[in-house]
Amino acid sequence: MSALPHRCTNPTTSLPVILPLCPQRCAPDPYHEHVFLGEDLLAWLMLAIGGALGVGNVLAVVRPPAEARDGELERAPVGRSLGMAAVGFVVAIWGLASLIGG
C-alpha cells in the first residue's frame, strides 16, 4: 500500500473523506503530489511583489522623471512613497523569511 493519502467516500453520507490508509479500494488523491508552481508559490510572490513595491517607490523618490507630463506631479509624494516602500520591504522580508524558514 502507498503512504500517500487516499480520497474515499463515506458510504453513509457520500461525502469525501481523506484517510492515510483507506479501508476501501480507492484511488490516490490526485492533488497530493504536485502543487502548481511549487509548494512555496505564495512566499515567492510575496518576495517579488514586496520587492517591486519597495524598489519602485524608492526609485520614484530618488530619480523623478525629467519632465512631468500634463496632469502629473513633478515629484512623487515623499511621505507616501517612503511609507509604501517600507510596506513593500516588510512584505519582501516576510516572503524571504518564509522561504528560508520553510
C-alpha atoms as a PDB file:
ATOM      1  CA  MET A   1       0.000   0.000   0.000  1.00  0.00           C
ATOM      2  CA  SER A   2       1.072   3.540  -0.669  1.00  0.00           C
ATOM      3  CA  ALA A   3       1.757   6.002   2.149  1.00  0.00           C
ATOM      4  CA  LEU A   4       0.008   8.766   0.197  1.00  0.00           C
ATOM      5  CA  PRO A   5      -3.377   9.957   1.468  1.00  0.00           C
ATOM      6  CA  HIS A   6      -6.347   8.500  -0.346  1.00  0.00           C
ATOM      7  CA  ARG A   7      -9.660  10.099  -1.161  1.00  0.00           C
ATOM      8  CA  CYS A   8     -12.608   7.872  -0.278  1.00  0.00           C
ATOM      9  CA  THR A   9     -16.326   8.375   0.015  1.00  0.00           C
ATOM     10  CA  ASN A  10     -18.105   7.801   3.282  1.00  0.00           C
ATOM     11  CA  PRO A  11     -20.770   5.168   2.485  1.00  0.00           C
ATOM     12  CA  THR A  12     -23.361   6.681   4.829  1.00  0.00           C
ATOM     13  CA  THR A  13     -23.067  10.341   3.801  1.00  0.00           C
ATOM     14  CA  SER A  14     -21.402  10.007   0.366  1.00  0.00           C
ATOM     15  CA  LEU A  15     -19.072  12.878   1.366  1.00  0.00           C
ATOM     16  CA  PRO A  16     -15.358  12.681   0.501  1.00  0.00           C
ATOM     17  CA  VAL A  17     -13.112  11.518   3.322  1.00  0.00           C
ATOM     18  CA  ILE A  18      -9.312  11.679   3.248  1.00  0.00           C
ATOM     19  CA  LEU A  19      -7.558   8.950   5.205  1.00  0.00           C
ATOM     20  CA  PRO A  20      -3.886   7.916   5.257  1.00  0.00           C
ATOM     21  CA  LEU A  21      -4.883   4.319   4.660  1.00  0.00           C
ATOM     22  CA  CYS A  22      -8.341   3.846   3.250  1.00  0.00           C
ATOM     23  CA  PRO A  23     -10.211   0.683   4.248  1.00  0.00           C
ATOM     24  CA  GLN A  24     -11.861   0.594   0.817  1.00  0.00           C
ATOM     25  CA  ARG A  25     -10.289   0.363  -2.599  1.00  0.00           C
ATOM     26  CA  CYS A  26      -9.968   3.906  -3.859  1.00  0.00           C
ATOM     27  CA  ALA A  27      -7.649   5.981  -5.995  1.00  0.00           C
ATOM     28  CA  PRO A  28      -4.786   8.085  -4.594  1.00  0.00           C
ATOM     29  CA  ASP A  29      -5.532  11.748  -4.101  1.00  0.00           C
ATOM     30  CA  PRO A  30      -4.502  13.418  -7.406  1.00  0.00           C
ATOM     31  CA  TYR A  31      -3.787  16.751  -5.684  1.00  0.00           C
ATOM     32  CA  HIS A  32      -1.345  15.457  -3.097  1.00  0.00           C
ATOM     33  CA  GLU A  33       1.873  15.019  -5.073  1.00  0.00           C
ATOM     34  CA  HIS A  34       2.127  18.102  -7.281  1.00  0.00           C
ATOM     35  CA  VAL A  35       1.322  21.700  -6.492  1.00  0.00           C
ATOM     36  CA  PHE A  36       1.043  24.187  -9.352  1.00  0.00           C
ATOM     37  CA  LEU A  37       4.261  26.246  -9.492  1.00  0.00           C
ATOM     38  CA  GLY A  38       5.662  24.665  -6.332  1.00  0.00           C
ATOM     39  CA  GLU A  39       4.952  24.465  -2.637  1.00  0.00           C
ATOM     40  CA  ASP A  40       6.341  27.966  -1.911  1.00  0.00           C
ATOM     41  CA  LEU A  41       4.392  29.939  -4.509  1.00  0.00           C
ATOM     42  CA  LEU A  42       2.886  32.404  -2.027  1.00  0.00           C
ATOM     43  CA  ALA A  43       6.264  33.126  -0.408  1.00  0.00           C
ATOM     44  CA  TRP A  44       7.873  33.721  -3.817  1.00  0.00           C
ATOM     45  CA  LEU A  45       5.029  36.057  -4.800  1.00  0.00           C
ATOM     46  CA  MET A  46       5.395  37.986  -1.539  1.00  0.00           C
ATOM     47  CA  LEU A  47       9.122  38.365  -2.143  1.00  0.00           C
ATOM     48  CA  ALA A  48       8.654  39.519  -5.735  1.00  0.00           C
ATOM     49  CA  ILE A  49       5.727  41.885  -5.245  1.00  0.00           C
ATOM     50  CA  GLY A  50       7.054  43.321  -1.978  1.00  0.00           C
ATOM     51  CA  GLY A  51      10.485  43.879  -3.511  1.00  0.00           C
ATOM     52  CA  ALA A  52       8.990  45.558  -6.566  1.00  0.00           C
ATOM     53  CA  LEU A  53       6.819  47.793  -4.384  1.00  0.00           C
ATOM     54  CA  GLY A  54       9.775  48.793  -2.229  1.00  0.00           C
ATOM     55  CA  VAL A  55      12.301  49.393  -5.007  1.00  0.00           C
ATOM     56  CA  GLY A  56       9.782  51.133  -7.264  1.00  0.00           C
ATOM     57  CA  ASN A  57       8.754  53.643  -4.630  1.00  0.00           C
ATOM     58  CA  VAL A  58      12.333  54.371  -3.567  1.00  0.00           C
ATOM     59  CA  LEU A  59      13.313  54.960  -7.183  1.00  0.00           C
ATOM     60  CA  ALA A  60      10.310  57.257  -7.675  1.00  0.00           C
ATOM     61  CA  VAL A  61      11.659  59.477  -4.873  1.00  0.00           C
ATOM     62  CA  VAL A  62      15.358  59.249  -5.784  1.00  0.00           C
ATOM     63  CA  ARG A  63      15.027  59.602  -9.564  1.00  0.00           C
ATOM     64  CA  PRO A  64      11.898  61.512 -10.561  1.00  0.00           C
ATOM     65  CA  PRO A  65      11.125  61.805 -14.279  1.00  0.00           C
ATOM     66  CA  ALA A  66      12.996  64.530 -16.177  1.00  0.00           C
ATOM     67  CA  GLU A  67       9.771  66.153 -17.414  1.00  0.00           C
ATOM     68  CA  ALA A  68       6.312  65.906 -15.925  1.00  0.00           C
ATOM     69  CA  ARG A  69       3.507  65.125 -18.347  1.00  0.00           C
ATOM     70  CA  ASP A  70       0.237  67.045 -18.363  1.00  0.00           C
ATOM     71  CA  GLY A  71      -1.762  66.345 -15.214  1.00  0.00           C
ATOM     72  CA  GLU A  72       1.114  64.592 -13.392  1.00  0.00           C
ATOM     73  CA  LEU A  73       3.088  65.701 -10.369  1.00  0.00           C
ATOM     74  CA  GLU A  74       6.676  66.854 -10.851  1.00  0.00           C
ATOM     75  CA  ARG A  75       7.859  64.619  -7.990  1.00  0.00           C
ATOM     76  CA  ALA A  76       6.348  61.674  -6.198  1.00  0.00           C
ATOM     77  CA  PRO A  77       4.925  62.474  -2.742  1.00  0.00           C
ATOM     78  CA  VAL A  78       7.860  61.650  -0.462  1.00  0.00           C
ATOM     79  CA  GLY A  79       5.939  60.595   2.659  1.00  0.00           C
ATOM     80  CA  ARG A  80       3.533  58.302   0.831  1.00  0.00           C
ATOM     81  CA  SER A  81       6.274  56.823  -1.351  1.00  0.00           C
ATOM     82  CA  LEU A  82       8.561  56.063   1.585  1.00  0.00           C
ATOM     83  CA  GLY A  83       5.628  54.587   3.529  1.00  0.00           C
ATOM     84  CA  MET A  84       4.714  52.306   0.624  1.00  0.00           C
ATOM     85  CA  ALA A  85       8.390  51.384   0.196  1.00  0.00           C
ATOM     86  CA  ALA A  86       8.538  50.392   3.867  1.00  0.00           C
ATOM     87  CA  VAL A  87       5.426  48.215   3.443  1.00  0.00           C
ATOM     88  CA  GLY A  88       6.984  46.632   0.357  1.00  0.00           C
ATOM     89  CA  PHE A  89      10.243  45.854   2.113  1.00  0.00           C
ATOM     90  CA  VAL A  90       8.404  44.350   5.109  1.00  0.00           C
ATOM     91  CA  VAL A  91       6.444  42.088   2.751  1.00  0.00           C
ATOM     92  CA  ALA A  92       9.624  41.129   0.884  1.00  0.00           C
ATOM     93  CA  ILE A  93      11.449  40.307   4.129  1.00  0.00           C
ATOM     94  CA  TRP A  94       8.444  38.275   5.268  1.00  0.00           C
ATOM     95  CA  GLY A  95       8.488  36.320   1.997  1.00  0.00           C
ATOM     96  CA  LEU A  96      12.243  35.726   2.276  1.00  0.00           C
ATOM     97  CA  ALA A  97      11.904  34.572   5.885  1.00  0.00           C
ATOM     98  CA  SER A  98       9.149  32.183   4.813  1.00  0.00           C
ATOM     99  CA  LEU A  99      11.391  30.716   2.133  1.00  0.00           C
ATOM    100  CA  ILE A 100      14.375  30.354   4.455  1.00  0.00           C
ATOM    101  CA  GLY A 101      12.397  29.084   7.449  1.00  0.00           C
ATOM    102  CA  GLY A 102      10.426  26.589   5.408  1.00  0.00           C
END
